[in-house]
Every structure is written in C-alpha cells, then in structure tokens.
N, C-alpha and C. Protein backbone atom coordinates (compact mmCIF):
# COMPACT_ATOMS: atom_id res chain seq x y z
N MET A 1 19.08 -7.31 -18.31
CA MET A 1 17.70 -6.88 -18.05
C MET A 1 17.68 -5.41 -17.65
N GLN A 2 16.79 -4.64 -18.28
CA GLN A 2 16.64 -3.23 -17.93
C GLN A 2 15.83 -3.09 -16.64
N PRO A 3 16.17 -2.12 -15.81
CA PRO A 3 15.41 -1.93 -14.57
C PRO A 3 13.94 -1.60 -14.82
N ILE A 4 13.08 -2.20 -14.04
CA ILE A 4 11.66 -1.88 -14.07
C ILE A 4 11.47 -0.54 -13.37
N ILE A 5 10.57 0.28 -13.87
CA ILE A 5 10.32 1.60 -13.27
C ILE A 5 9.12 1.50 -12.33
N LEU A 6 9.33 1.87 -11.09
CA LEU A 6 8.27 1.89 -10.08
C LEU A 6 7.90 3.32 -9.77
N TYR A 7 6.63 3.63 -9.87
CA TYR A 7 6.13 4.97 -9.55
C TYR A 7 5.58 4.95 -8.12
N ASP A 8 6.14 5.81 -7.28
CA ASP A 8 5.83 5.83 -5.85
C ASP A 8 5.56 7.26 -5.40
N ILE A 9 5.08 7.41 -4.17
CA ILE A 9 4.71 8.72 -3.62
C ILE A 9 5.76 9.15 -2.59
N PRO A 10 6.38 10.31 -2.76
CA PRO A 10 7.42 10.75 -1.83
C PRO A 10 6.84 11.32 -0.53
N SER A 11 7.71 11.58 0.42
CA SER A 11 7.29 12.15 1.70
C SER A 11 8.49 12.76 2.39
N LYS A 12 8.25 13.26 3.59
CA LYS A 12 9.33 13.79 4.40
C LYS A 12 9.98 12.71 5.26
N ALA A 13 9.45 11.50 5.18
CA ALA A 13 9.95 10.40 5.99
C ALA A 13 11.35 9.97 5.51
N PRO A 14 12.14 9.39 6.40
CA PRO A 14 13.46 8.89 6.00
C PRO A 14 13.34 7.91 4.84
N LYS A 15 14.19 8.05 3.86
CA LYS A 15 14.20 7.20 2.67
C LYS A 15 12.95 7.37 1.80
N ASN A 16 12.09 8.31 2.15
CA ASN A 16 10.89 8.59 1.36
C ASN A 16 9.79 7.54 1.49
N THR A 17 10.16 6.30 1.68
CA THR A 17 9.21 5.19 1.61
C THR A 17 8.22 5.22 2.77
N TRP A 18 6.94 5.17 2.45
CA TRP A 18 5.90 5.13 3.48
C TRP A 18 4.61 4.51 2.97
N ALA A 19 4.24 4.79 1.71
CA ALA A 19 2.93 4.41 1.18
C ALA A 19 2.81 2.89 1.11
N PRO A 20 1.79 2.31 1.76
CA PRO A 20 1.71 0.85 1.85
C PRO A 20 1.50 0.14 0.52
N ASN A 21 0.76 0.75 -0.40
CA ASN A 21 0.51 0.05 -1.67
C ASN A 21 1.74 -0.01 -2.57
N PRO A 22 2.41 1.11 -2.84
CA PRO A 22 3.66 1.01 -3.58
C PRO A 22 4.71 0.16 -2.87
N ALA A 23 4.67 0.15 -1.53
CA ALA A 23 5.64 -0.66 -0.79
C ALA A 23 5.50 -2.14 -1.10
N LYS A 24 4.26 -2.59 -1.37
CA LYS A 24 4.06 -4.00 -1.73
C LYS A 24 4.77 -4.34 -3.03
N THR A 25 4.69 -3.42 -3.99
CA THR A 25 5.38 -3.66 -5.26
C THR A 25 6.88 -3.61 -5.08
N ARG A 26 7.35 -2.69 -4.28
CA ARG A 26 8.79 -2.61 -3.98
C ARG A 26 9.26 -3.92 -3.33
N PHE A 27 8.44 -4.44 -2.43
CA PHE A 27 8.74 -5.71 -1.75
C PHE A 27 8.82 -6.84 -2.78
N CYS A 28 7.83 -6.90 -3.67
CA CYS A 28 7.81 -7.94 -4.71
C CYS A 28 9.07 -7.90 -5.57
N LEU A 29 9.42 -6.71 -6.01
CA LEU A 29 10.59 -6.56 -6.87
C LEU A 29 11.86 -6.99 -6.15
N SER A 30 11.99 -6.57 -4.90
CA SER A 30 13.18 -6.91 -4.13
C SER A 30 13.23 -8.40 -3.84
N TYR A 31 12.09 -8.97 -3.47
CA TYR A 31 12.02 -10.40 -3.15
C TYR A 31 12.42 -11.25 -4.35
N LYS A 32 12.00 -10.84 -5.53
CA LYS A 32 12.32 -11.57 -6.75
C LYS A 32 13.72 -11.25 -7.28
N GLY A 33 14.35 -10.25 -6.70
CA GLY A 33 15.69 -9.88 -7.15
C GLY A 33 15.69 -9.18 -8.49
N LEU A 34 14.61 -8.47 -8.80
CA LEU A 34 14.50 -7.78 -10.08
C LEU A 34 15.02 -6.35 -9.95
N PRO A 35 15.83 -5.89 -10.87
CA PRO A 35 16.33 -4.51 -10.81
C PRO A 35 15.20 -3.52 -11.07
N TYR A 36 15.22 -2.41 -10.34
CA TYR A 36 14.19 -1.39 -10.55
C TYR A 36 14.71 -0.03 -10.14
N THR A 37 14.07 0.98 -10.69
CA THR A 37 14.34 2.36 -10.29
C THR A 37 13.01 2.97 -9.86
N THR A 38 13.10 4.03 -9.07
CA THR A 38 11.89 4.66 -8.55
C THR A 38 11.72 6.05 -9.13
N VAL A 39 10.53 6.34 -9.58
CA VAL A 39 10.14 7.70 -9.98
C VAL A 39 9.15 8.18 -8.93
N TRP A 40 9.51 9.28 -8.28
CA TRP A 40 8.66 9.81 -7.20
C TRP A 40 7.65 10.80 -7.79
N VAL A 41 6.39 10.60 -7.46
CA VAL A 41 5.32 11.43 -8.02
C VAL A 41 4.46 11.99 -6.89
N GLU A 42 4.42 13.31 -6.78
CA GLU A 42 3.57 13.94 -5.75
C GLU A 42 2.09 13.65 -6.06
N PHE A 43 1.27 13.67 -5.03
CA PHE A 43 -0.15 13.31 -5.18
C PHE A 43 -0.82 14.06 -6.33
N GLU A 44 -0.65 15.37 -6.36
CA GLU A 44 -1.36 16.16 -7.36
C GLU A 44 -0.88 15.89 -8.79
N ASP A 45 0.30 15.29 -8.93
CA ASP A 45 0.86 15.00 -10.25
C ASP A 45 0.54 13.59 -10.74
N ILE A 46 -0.09 12.78 -9.90
CA ILE A 46 -0.36 11.39 -10.28
C ILE A 46 -1.24 11.29 -11.53
N PRO A 47 -2.39 11.97 -11.61
CA PRO A 47 -3.23 11.82 -12.81
C PRO A 47 -2.50 12.17 -14.11
N LYS A 48 -1.82 13.31 -14.12
CA LYS A 48 -1.12 13.75 -15.32
C LYS A 48 0.00 12.79 -15.69
N THR A 49 0.77 12.36 -14.70
CA THR A 49 1.91 11.48 -14.97
C THR A 49 1.45 10.12 -15.45
N MET A 50 0.42 9.57 -14.81
CA MET A 50 -0.06 8.24 -15.19
C MET A 50 -0.72 8.26 -16.57
N LYS A 51 -1.44 9.30 -16.86
CA LYS A 51 -2.04 9.43 -18.19
C LYS A 51 -0.95 9.52 -19.25
N GLY A 52 0.13 10.21 -18.90
CA GLY A 52 1.24 10.39 -19.84
C GLY A 52 1.96 9.11 -20.21
N ILE A 53 1.98 8.12 -19.29
CA ILE A 53 2.68 6.86 -19.58
C ILE A 53 1.72 5.77 -20.06
N GLY A 54 0.42 6.12 -20.12
CA GLY A 54 -0.55 5.15 -20.62
C GLY A 54 -1.04 4.16 -19.58
N ALA A 55 -0.98 4.55 -18.29
CA ALA A 55 -1.48 3.66 -17.23
C ALA A 55 -3.00 3.58 -17.27
N SER A 56 -3.54 2.47 -16.85
CA SER A 56 -4.99 2.32 -16.81
C SER A 56 -5.55 2.95 -15.54
N THR A 57 -6.79 3.41 -15.61
CA THR A 57 -7.45 3.97 -14.43
C THR A 57 -7.98 2.84 -13.57
N MET A 58 -8.24 3.17 -12.30
CA MET A 58 -8.82 2.19 -11.39
C MET A 58 -10.33 2.27 -11.47
N GLU A 59 -11.00 1.41 -10.74
CA GLU A 59 -12.46 1.45 -10.69
C GLU A 59 -12.91 2.83 -10.19
N GLY A 60 -13.79 3.47 -10.90
CA GLY A 60 -14.19 4.83 -10.56
C GLY A 60 -13.57 5.86 -11.47
N GLY A 61 -12.57 5.44 -12.26
CA GLY A 61 -12.00 6.32 -13.27
C GLY A 61 -10.79 7.12 -12.86
N GLY A 62 -10.31 6.94 -11.62
CA GLY A 62 -9.15 7.70 -11.17
C GLY A 62 -7.85 6.94 -11.32
N TYR A 63 -6.75 7.66 -11.18
CA TYR A 63 -5.43 7.05 -11.21
C TYR A 63 -4.89 6.93 -9.78
N THR A 64 -4.13 5.89 -9.55
CA THR A 64 -3.50 5.72 -8.25
C THR A 64 -2.18 4.99 -8.42
N LEU A 65 -1.40 4.94 -7.36
CA LEU A 65 -0.13 4.23 -7.38
C LEU A 65 -0.20 3.07 -6.39
N PRO A 66 0.53 1.97 -6.65
CA PRO A 66 1.68 1.89 -7.53
C PRO A 66 1.31 1.61 -8.99
N VAL A 67 2.26 1.97 -9.84
CA VAL A 67 2.26 1.61 -11.25
C VAL A 67 3.69 1.24 -11.59
N ILE A 68 3.85 0.24 -12.45
CA ILE A 68 5.19 -0.06 -12.96
C ILE A 68 5.18 0.07 -14.48
N LYS A 69 6.34 0.40 -15.00
CA LYS A 69 6.57 0.39 -16.45
C LYS A 69 7.75 -0.52 -16.69
N ASP A 70 7.50 -1.59 -17.41
CA ASP A 70 8.55 -2.59 -17.65
C ASP A 70 9.13 -2.39 -19.05
N PRO A 71 10.32 -1.81 -19.15
CA PRO A 71 10.92 -1.58 -20.47
C PRO A 71 11.30 -2.86 -21.20
N ASN A 72 11.33 -3.97 -20.47
CA ASN A 72 11.69 -5.25 -21.09
C ASN A 72 10.53 -5.85 -21.89
N THR A 73 9.31 -5.45 -21.55
CA THR A 73 8.13 -5.96 -22.26
C THR A 73 7.30 -4.84 -22.88
N GLY A 74 7.58 -3.60 -22.45
CA GLY A 74 6.82 -2.47 -22.94
C GLY A 74 5.49 -2.27 -22.26
N LEU A 75 5.21 -3.05 -21.20
CA LEU A 75 3.91 -2.99 -20.54
C LEU A 75 3.92 -2.03 -19.35
N VAL A 76 2.77 -1.40 -19.13
CA VAL A 76 2.52 -0.56 -17.96
C VAL A 76 1.42 -1.23 -17.16
N VAL A 77 1.66 -1.48 -15.89
CA VAL A 77 0.70 -2.21 -15.06
C VAL A 77 0.41 -1.42 -13.80
N ALA A 78 -0.89 -1.29 -13.47
CA ALA A 78 -1.33 -0.58 -12.28
C ALA A 78 -1.94 -1.54 -11.28
N ASP A 79 -1.90 -1.14 -9.99
CA ASP A 79 -2.49 -1.89 -8.87
C ASP A 79 -1.51 -2.94 -8.36
N SER A 80 -1.29 -2.94 -7.05
CA SER A 80 -0.25 -3.78 -6.48
C SER A 80 -0.49 -5.28 -6.70
N LEU A 81 -1.75 -5.73 -6.60
CA LEU A 81 -2.01 -7.15 -6.81
C LEU A 81 -1.84 -7.52 -8.28
N ALA A 82 -2.34 -6.68 -9.17
CA ALA A 82 -2.17 -6.94 -10.61
C ALA A 82 -0.69 -6.95 -10.98
N ILE A 83 0.09 -6.07 -10.34
CA ILE A 83 1.53 -6.04 -10.59
C ILE A 83 2.17 -7.33 -10.11
N ALA A 84 1.78 -7.80 -8.92
CA ALA A 84 2.33 -9.05 -8.39
C ALA A 84 2.01 -10.21 -9.33
N GLU A 85 0.80 -10.25 -9.85
CA GLU A 85 0.41 -11.31 -10.80
C GLU A 85 1.23 -11.22 -12.08
N TYR A 86 1.43 -9.99 -12.55
CA TYR A 86 2.23 -9.79 -13.76
C TYR A 86 3.67 -10.23 -13.54
N LEU A 87 4.25 -9.86 -12.41
CA LEU A 87 5.64 -10.23 -12.13
C LEU A 87 5.79 -11.74 -12.01
N ASP A 88 4.82 -12.41 -11.39
CA ASP A 88 4.90 -13.86 -11.28
C ASP A 88 4.82 -14.52 -12.65
N LYS A 89 3.98 -13.98 -13.52
CA LYS A 89 3.83 -14.56 -14.86
C LYS A 89 5.04 -14.28 -15.73
N THR A 90 5.57 -13.09 -15.64
CA THR A 90 6.67 -12.68 -16.52
C THR A 90 8.03 -13.12 -15.99
N TYR A 91 8.18 -13.11 -14.67
CA TYR A 91 9.43 -13.49 -14.02
C TYR A 91 9.09 -14.52 -12.93
N PRO A 92 8.84 -15.77 -13.31
CA PRO A 92 8.24 -16.77 -12.41
C PRO A 92 9.12 -17.26 -11.27
N GLU A 93 10.40 -16.95 -11.29
CA GLU A 93 11.24 -17.41 -10.18
C GLU A 93 10.82 -16.72 -8.88
N LYS A 94 10.73 -17.48 -7.80
CA LYS A 94 10.30 -17.00 -6.48
C LYS A 94 8.89 -16.36 -6.56
N PRO A 95 7.88 -17.13 -6.88
CA PRO A 95 6.52 -16.58 -6.97
C PRO A 95 6.03 -16.06 -5.63
N VAL A 96 5.21 -15.02 -5.67
CA VAL A 96 4.63 -14.44 -4.45
C VAL A 96 3.16 -14.82 -4.29
N ILE A 97 2.58 -15.38 -5.35
CA ILE A 97 1.19 -15.85 -5.29
C ILE A 97 1.21 -17.35 -5.58
N PRO A 98 1.08 -18.18 -4.54
CA PRO A 98 1.11 -19.63 -4.76
C PRO A 98 0.01 -20.06 -5.73
N GLN A 99 0.30 -21.07 -6.49
CA GLN A 99 -0.63 -21.54 -7.51
C GLN A 99 -2.01 -21.85 -6.90
N GLY A 100 -3.04 -21.33 -7.54
CA GLY A 100 -4.40 -21.60 -7.11
C GLY A 100 -4.93 -20.71 -6.00
N THR A 101 -4.13 -19.71 -5.58
CA THR A 101 -4.57 -18.87 -4.44
C THR A 101 -4.94 -17.45 -4.84
N ASN A 102 -5.04 -17.17 -6.14
CA ASN A 102 -5.30 -15.80 -6.58
C ASN A 102 -6.56 -15.20 -5.96
N THR A 103 -7.64 -15.97 -5.97
CA THR A 103 -8.90 -15.46 -5.44
C THR A 103 -8.81 -15.21 -3.94
N LEU A 104 -8.23 -16.14 -3.22
CA LEU A 104 -8.10 -15.98 -1.77
C LEU A 104 -7.24 -14.77 -1.43
N ILE A 105 -6.16 -14.59 -2.17
CA ILE A 105 -5.27 -13.46 -1.91
C ILE A 105 -5.97 -12.14 -2.23
N ALA A 106 -6.78 -12.12 -3.29
CA ALA A 106 -7.51 -10.91 -3.64
C ALA A 106 -8.51 -10.54 -2.54
N LEU A 107 -9.06 -11.54 -1.85
CA LEU A 107 -10.03 -11.29 -0.79
C LEU A 107 -9.36 -10.95 0.54
N PHE A 108 -8.08 -11.30 0.66
CA PHE A 108 -7.40 -11.13 1.95
C PHE A 108 -7.27 -9.67 2.36
N GLU A 109 -6.76 -8.83 1.45
CA GLU A 109 -6.44 -7.46 1.86
C GLU A 109 -7.67 -6.66 2.31
N PRO A 110 -8.80 -6.70 1.58
CA PRO A 110 -9.97 -5.98 2.09
C PRO A 110 -10.40 -6.46 3.48
N ALA A 111 -10.33 -7.77 3.71
CA ALA A 111 -10.70 -8.31 5.02
C ALA A 111 -9.71 -7.86 6.08
N TYR A 112 -8.43 -7.92 5.74
CA TYR A 112 -7.38 -7.50 6.68
C TYR A 112 -7.55 -6.03 7.06
N CYS A 113 -7.74 -5.17 6.07
CA CYS A 113 -7.86 -3.73 6.33
C CYS A 113 -9.10 -3.42 7.16
N SER A 114 -10.19 -4.11 6.86
CA SER A 114 -11.43 -3.88 7.59
C SER A 114 -11.26 -4.22 9.07
N ILE A 115 -10.64 -5.35 9.34
CA ILE A 115 -10.48 -5.79 10.73
C ILE A 115 -9.37 -5.02 11.43
N ALA A 116 -8.24 -4.84 10.77
CA ALA A 116 -7.08 -4.22 11.41
C ALA A 116 -7.29 -2.74 11.67
N HIS A 117 -7.78 -2.00 10.68
CA HIS A 117 -7.87 -0.55 10.87
C HIS A 117 -9.11 0.08 10.26
N GLY A 118 -10.17 -0.70 10.10
CA GLY A 118 -11.39 -0.15 9.52
C GLY A 118 -11.99 0.99 10.34
N LYS A 119 -11.83 0.91 11.67
CA LYS A 119 -12.41 1.93 12.54
C LYS A 119 -11.43 3.05 12.87
N SER A 120 -10.21 2.95 12.38
CA SER A 120 -9.20 3.96 12.71
C SER A 120 -8.58 4.61 11.47
N TYR A 121 -9.22 4.42 10.33
CA TYR A 121 -8.69 4.91 9.06
C TYR A 121 -8.55 6.43 9.05
N ASN A 122 -9.56 7.13 9.57
CA ASN A 122 -9.50 8.60 9.57
C ASN A 122 -8.31 9.11 10.38
N PHE A 123 -8.08 8.49 11.50
CA PHE A 123 -6.95 8.87 12.36
C PHE A 123 -5.63 8.68 11.63
N MET A 124 -5.52 7.59 10.88
CA MET A 124 -4.27 7.32 10.16
C MET A 124 -4.07 8.28 9.00
N LEU A 125 -5.17 8.71 8.38
CA LEU A 125 -5.04 9.73 7.34
C LEU A 125 -4.51 11.04 7.92
N ALA A 126 -5.02 11.40 9.09
CA ALA A 126 -4.57 12.62 9.74
C ALA A 126 -3.08 12.55 10.08
N LYS A 127 -2.62 11.41 10.53
CA LYS A 127 -1.20 11.24 10.84
C LYS A 127 -0.35 11.20 9.57
N THR A 128 -0.91 10.64 8.50
CA THR A 128 -0.18 10.59 7.22
C THR A 128 0.06 11.99 6.69
N PHE A 129 -0.91 12.87 6.86
CA PHE A 129 -0.79 14.25 6.41
C PHE A 129 0.50 14.89 6.94
N GLU A 130 0.89 14.55 8.16
CA GLU A 130 2.04 15.17 8.81
C GLU A 130 3.37 14.84 8.13
N ILE A 131 3.44 13.73 7.41
CA ILE A 131 4.72 13.35 6.79
C ILE A 131 4.78 13.70 5.30
N LEU A 132 3.69 14.22 4.74
CA LEU A 132 3.67 14.52 3.32
C LEU A 132 4.46 15.77 3.00
N ASN A 133 5.00 15.83 1.80
CA ASN A 133 5.63 17.06 1.34
C ASN A 133 4.57 18.14 1.20
N ASP A 134 4.99 19.38 1.37
CA ASP A 134 4.04 20.49 1.34
C ASP A 134 3.25 20.54 0.04
N SER A 135 3.89 20.18 -1.06
CA SER A 135 3.23 20.26 -2.36
C SER A 135 2.11 19.26 -2.53
N SER A 136 2.06 18.24 -1.66
CA SER A 136 1.02 17.22 -1.76
C SER A 136 -0.11 17.43 -0.75
N ARG A 137 0.10 18.27 0.23
CA ARG A 137 -0.84 18.34 1.34
C ARG A 137 -2.22 18.85 0.94
N GLU A 138 -2.29 19.91 0.17
CA GLU A 138 -3.59 20.49 -0.19
C GLU A 138 -4.41 19.49 -1.00
N TYR A 139 -3.78 18.84 -1.96
CA TYR A 139 -4.46 17.86 -2.81
C TYR A 139 -4.92 16.67 -1.97
N PHE A 140 -4.06 16.22 -1.06
CA PHE A 140 -4.38 15.09 -0.20
C PHE A 140 -5.61 15.40 0.65
N VAL A 141 -5.62 16.56 1.29
CA VAL A 141 -6.76 16.95 2.14
C VAL A 141 -8.03 17.05 1.32
N ARG A 142 -7.96 17.73 0.20
CA ARG A 142 -9.15 17.95 -0.62
C ARG A 142 -9.75 16.63 -1.11
N THR A 143 -8.92 15.75 -1.59
CA THR A 143 -9.45 14.50 -2.15
C THR A 143 -9.92 13.54 -1.05
N LYS A 144 -9.25 13.51 0.07
CA LYS A 144 -9.66 12.61 1.15
C LYS A 144 -10.94 13.10 1.80
N LEU A 145 -11.09 14.40 1.97
CA LEU A 145 -12.34 14.92 2.53
C LEU A 145 -13.52 14.60 1.60
N ALA A 146 -13.29 14.74 0.32
CA ALA A 146 -14.35 14.42 -0.65
C ALA A 146 -14.71 12.94 -0.58
N PHE A 147 -13.70 12.09 -0.44
CA PHE A 147 -13.92 10.65 -0.36
C PHE A 147 -14.69 10.28 0.90
N LEU A 148 -14.35 10.93 2.01
CA LEU A 148 -14.95 10.59 3.29
C LEU A 148 -16.27 11.32 3.54
N GLY A 149 -16.55 12.34 2.74
CA GLY A 149 -17.76 13.12 2.95
C GLY A 149 -17.68 14.05 4.15
N GLU A 150 -16.46 14.45 4.50
CA GLU A 150 -16.25 15.36 5.64
C GLU A 150 -16.07 16.79 5.13
N MET A 151 -16.37 17.75 6.00
CA MET A 151 -16.23 19.15 5.65
C MET A 151 -14.93 19.75 6.16
N HIS A 152 -14.47 19.25 7.30
CA HIS A 152 -13.29 19.84 7.94
C HIS A 152 -12.28 18.75 8.29
N TRP A 153 -11.00 19.02 8.00
CA TRP A 153 -9.94 18.07 8.26
C TRP A 153 -9.82 17.74 9.74
N GLU A 154 -10.08 18.73 10.59
CA GLU A 154 -9.95 18.54 12.03
C GLU A 154 -10.88 17.44 12.55
N ALA A 155 -11.97 17.20 11.82
CA ALA A 155 -12.94 16.19 12.25
C ALA A 155 -12.33 14.80 12.26
N LEU A 156 -11.28 14.59 11.50
CA LEU A 156 -10.67 13.27 11.41
C LEU A 156 -9.98 12.86 12.70
N GLU A 157 -9.60 13.85 13.52
CA GLU A 157 -8.88 13.55 14.75
C GLU A 157 -9.73 13.70 16.01
N GLU A 158 -11.01 14.00 15.84
CA GLU A 158 -11.86 14.27 16.99
C GLU A 158 -11.97 13.07 17.93
N THR A 159 -11.89 11.87 17.40
CA THR A 159 -11.97 10.67 18.23
C THR A 159 -10.67 9.86 18.11
N SER A 160 -9.54 10.57 18.08
CA SER A 160 -8.25 9.92 17.85
C SER A 160 -7.92 8.87 18.90
N GLN A 161 -8.21 9.15 20.17
CA GLN A 161 -7.89 8.19 21.23
C GLN A 161 -8.70 6.91 21.06
N GLN A 162 -9.97 7.06 20.73
CA GLN A 162 -10.80 5.88 20.52
C GLN A 162 -10.34 5.10 19.29
N GLN A 163 -9.97 5.84 18.25
CA GLN A 163 -9.49 5.17 17.04
C GLN A 163 -8.18 4.43 17.29
N TRP A 164 -7.35 4.99 18.14
CA TRP A 164 -6.09 4.32 18.50
C TRP A 164 -6.38 3.01 19.23
N GLU A 165 -7.35 3.04 20.12
CA GLU A 165 -7.73 1.83 20.83
C GLU A 165 -8.34 0.81 19.87
N ASP A 166 -9.12 1.29 18.91
CA ASP A 166 -9.72 0.39 17.92
C ASP A 166 -8.64 -0.28 17.07
N LEU A 167 -7.59 0.47 16.74
CA LEU A 167 -6.50 -0.09 15.95
C LEU A 167 -5.82 -1.22 16.72
N LYS A 168 -5.55 -1.01 17.98
CA LYS A 168 -4.89 -2.04 18.78
C LYS A 168 -5.76 -3.29 18.89
N LYS A 169 -7.07 -3.10 19.04
CA LYS A 169 -7.97 -4.25 19.10
C LYS A 169 -7.99 -4.99 17.77
N GLY A 170 -7.99 -4.22 16.69
CA GLY A 170 -7.98 -4.85 15.37
C GLY A 170 -6.73 -5.67 15.13
N LEU A 171 -5.58 -5.14 15.55
CA LEU A 171 -4.33 -5.87 15.35
C LEU A 171 -4.26 -7.11 16.24
N ASP A 172 -4.92 -7.06 17.38
CA ASP A 172 -4.99 -8.26 18.23
C ASP A 172 -5.75 -9.37 17.51
N GLU A 173 -6.78 -8.99 16.76
CA GLU A 173 -7.53 -9.98 16.00
C GLU A 173 -6.67 -10.57 14.87
N ILE A 174 -5.90 -9.72 14.23
CA ILE A 174 -5.01 -10.20 13.17
C ILE A 174 -3.97 -11.16 13.74
N ASP A 175 -3.50 -10.88 14.94
CA ASP A 175 -2.52 -11.75 15.58
C ASP A 175 -3.07 -13.17 15.75
N LYS A 176 -4.36 -13.26 15.98
CA LYS A 176 -5.00 -14.57 16.14
C LYS A 176 -4.94 -15.36 14.83
N TRP A 177 -4.98 -14.65 13.70
CA TRP A 177 -4.86 -15.33 12.41
C TRP A 177 -3.51 -16.04 12.33
N TYR A 178 -2.47 -15.33 12.73
CA TYR A 178 -1.14 -15.92 12.66
C TYR A 178 -1.00 -17.09 13.64
N GLN A 179 -1.62 -16.98 14.79
CA GLN A 179 -1.55 -18.06 15.77
C GLN A 179 -2.19 -19.33 15.26
N LYS A 180 -3.18 -19.18 14.36
CA LYS A 180 -3.87 -20.34 13.80
C LYS A 180 -3.21 -20.87 12.52
N SER A 181 -2.19 -20.20 12.04
CA SER A 181 -1.61 -20.56 10.74
C SER A 181 -0.71 -21.79 10.80
N GLU A 182 -0.29 -22.17 12.01
CA GLU A 182 0.59 -23.32 12.20
C GLU A 182 1.92 -23.16 11.44
N GLY A 183 2.35 -21.93 11.36
CA GLY A 183 3.62 -21.66 10.69
C GLY A 183 4.04 -20.22 10.92
N LYS A 184 5.07 -19.81 10.22
CA LYS A 184 5.62 -18.47 10.39
C LYS A 184 4.81 -17.42 9.67
N TRP A 185 4.09 -17.83 8.60
CA TRP A 185 3.38 -16.88 7.75
C TRP A 185 1.88 -17.12 7.79
N VAL A 186 1.11 -16.26 7.13
CA VAL A 186 -0.33 -16.42 7.12
C VAL A 186 -0.73 -17.78 6.55
N MET A 187 -0.03 -18.21 5.51
CA MET A 187 -0.28 -19.52 4.89
C MET A 187 0.64 -20.60 5.47
N GLY A 188 0.81 -20.57 6.75
CA GLY A 188 1.66 -21.57 7.39
C GLY A 188 3.12 -21.32 7.14
N ASN A 189 3.78 -22.22 6.46
CA ASN A 189 5.20 -22.07 6.16
C ASN A 189 5.45 -21.52 4.77
N THR A 190 4.39 -21.08 4.10
CA THR A 190 4.52 -20.54 2.75
C THR A 190 4.45 -19.02 2.76
N PHE A 191 5.54 -18.37 2.42
CA PHE A 191 5.55 -16.92 2.31
C PHE A 191 4.83 -16.51 1.04
N SER A 192 4.02 -15.44 1.14
CA SER A 192 3.24 -15.03 -0.03
C SER A 192 2.95 -13.53 0.00
N PHE A 193 2.22 -13.11 -1.00
CA PHE A 193 1.85 -11.70 -1.14
C PHE A 193 1.08 -11.18 0.08
N VAL A 194 0.30 -12.04 0.73
CA VAL A 194 -0.47 -11.57 1.88
C VAL A 194 0.44 -11.14 3.02
N ASP A 195 1.59 -11.77 3.15
CA ASP A 195 2.53 -11.36 4.19
C ASP A 195 3.16 -10.01 3.84
N MET A 196 3.29 -9.73 2.55
CA MET A 196 3.75 -8.42 2.13
C MET A 196 2.71 -7.35 2.47
N VAL A 197 1.44 -7.70 2.31
CA VAL A 197 0.36 -6.77 2.69
C VAL A 197 0.50 -6.37 4.15
N VAL A 198 0.67 -7.36 5.00
CA VAL A 198 0.80 -7.10 6.44
C VAL A 198 2.05 -6.29 6.74
N ALA A 199 3.17 -6.68 6.14
CA ALA A 199 4.43 -5.99 6.39
C ALA A 199 4.38 -4.54 5.95
N CYS A 200 3.76 -4.27 4.81
CA CYS A 200 3.78 -2.91 4.27
C CYS A 200 2.81 -2.00 4.99
N ARG A 201 1.71 -2.54 5.51
CA ARG A 201 0.85 -1.74 6.40
C ARG A 201 1.62 -1.40 7.67
N THR A 202 2.40 -2.32 8.16
CA THR A 202 3.20 -2.07 9.37
C THR A 202 4.24 -0.99 9.12
N ILE A 203 4.86 -1.00 7.94
CA ILE A 203 5.81 0.04 7.58
C ILE A 203 5.13 1.40 7.62
N TRP A 204 3.93 1.47 7.08
CA TRP A 204 3.16 2.72 7.09
C TRP A 204 2.95 3.21 8.52
N TRP A 205 2.48 2.32 9.39
CA TRP A 205 2.21 2.73 10.77
C TRP A 205 3.48 3.12 11.51
N ASN A 206 4.57 2.39 11.26
CA ASN A 206 5.84 2.74 11.91
C ASN A 206 6.33 4.12 11.47
N THR A 207 5.91 4.53 10.28
CA THR A 207 6.32 5.83 9.76
C THR A 207 5.48 6.97 10.31
N ILE A 208 4.18 6.77 10.44
CA ILE A 208 3.29 7.89 10.81
C ILE A 208 3.08 8.04 12.32
N PHE A 209 3.32 6.97 13.08
CA PHE A 209 3.08 7.04 14.52
C PHE A 209 4.38 7.29 15.26
N ASP A 210 4.28 7.97 16.39
CA ASP A 210 5.44 8.18 17.25
C ASP A 210 5.86 6.87 17.88
N LYS A 211 7.15 6.74 18.18
CA LYS A 211 7.65 5.52 18.80
C LYS A 211 6.95 5.26 20.13
N GLU A 212 6.59 6.35 20.82
CA GLU A 212 5.94 6.19 22.12
C GLU A 212 4.56 5.57 21.97
N GLN A 213 3.91 5.80 20.82
CA GLN A 213 2.59 5.24 20.60
C GLN A 213 2.66 3.76 20.26
N LEU A 214 3.76 3.37 19.59
CA LEU A 214 3.91 1.97 19.16
C LEU A 214 4.47 1.13 20.27
C-alpha cells in the first residue's frame, strides 16, 4: 500500500503538529494503522496548493485543511469528517464512525466547540498567532480579522482573562458529558471520531497555552 498524503499546517511548535482539524485526520490514519506522509503547507499557500491537486472547496468557496490525497485510489478528499468517512469506507478495519452514527457525529463537533470555547475563540486565535511561522502570520491575521469583523488584532486579547475563565467553564460542562457516558469515551465504551475531536482540540490548547495556565 502506498502512503496516503496528508496536507497539514506547520508551526514553530515541537514536531510542527498543532492544528486541531488536520490532527483529527492524523489520528484517524494512525488509529487505523494506515501509512501516510505529511506535506506541510503554510496558510498563504493553501489555496494555490489545494487548487493544484484538485481539492474541493468548502462551503463559502474557500480552501482549508486537512486534505488527503490517496494514491491507492486516486482520490483527493477534504474536511476531517469527510476524510474519516472515506477512510472507514475504503479501509473498514477499526472504524472510527460506528454504524448509524454519522448524523450524530456531524452534529457533535459544532456543539462541542460552541460549549467548550465559543466565548474564548478570539483569545485562542491570538495565542495561536504566537506559534505560527513568520511566513503565515500576515495571512493569518488578515483572514481572521476579516472573518471576525475586527479592525485591530489587539482587540482579540482585550478580554483575555474573561475568555480564559469562559474556557474553563466550558470545559467543565464538557466534563459532565463524559460523566454521563457510563464509560471511558463519549459513547460509553465505544471509541469514535468524537473522542478524536476532543483529543485534538486538547492538543491545540496544550500547544498554544503556557503550562502555568493549564
């Protein structure tokens, strides 16, 4: 089997890995024991690179990562959930989406993100900026400010202490989900893609926050 190509975003962080969405795909590939290689793409190079390999755009017409290119089938797949579904269908051993749970899993991540860090997203963007390579910083700031409707990057940290408190409260609510699961994972004793969502968001936070904050 030829290695699957994973397109990810580099950083100054140890081992480069930080971005939560590509991390989910990396987790899927590793969990399934599928060989893969990583192509690192700076933020400003994502549109050109993805267009060059024939990746599909996301809702709104833009390109984002993760994307995989599978030389074994010739397919290019974008979006971490779509990639997980593709991997389960193409390489069904050790599925990450239990049968019949596709809709629930698709609804999980937006709900999780809203509760866990919906009120602290700006603060996390500001901290993410600190670990990016210099070549990605200008593009990152420009596109995120446009998305948020902000004029100045400094505005993202103006309520950092409150946002930090909001994050902790949000994670306390998520902890209650696990307490009600009657098992080790969100779905009780069944490990699934939703646990990868939680783990990869945690990897992101462990990378951008100081140990003293965590």
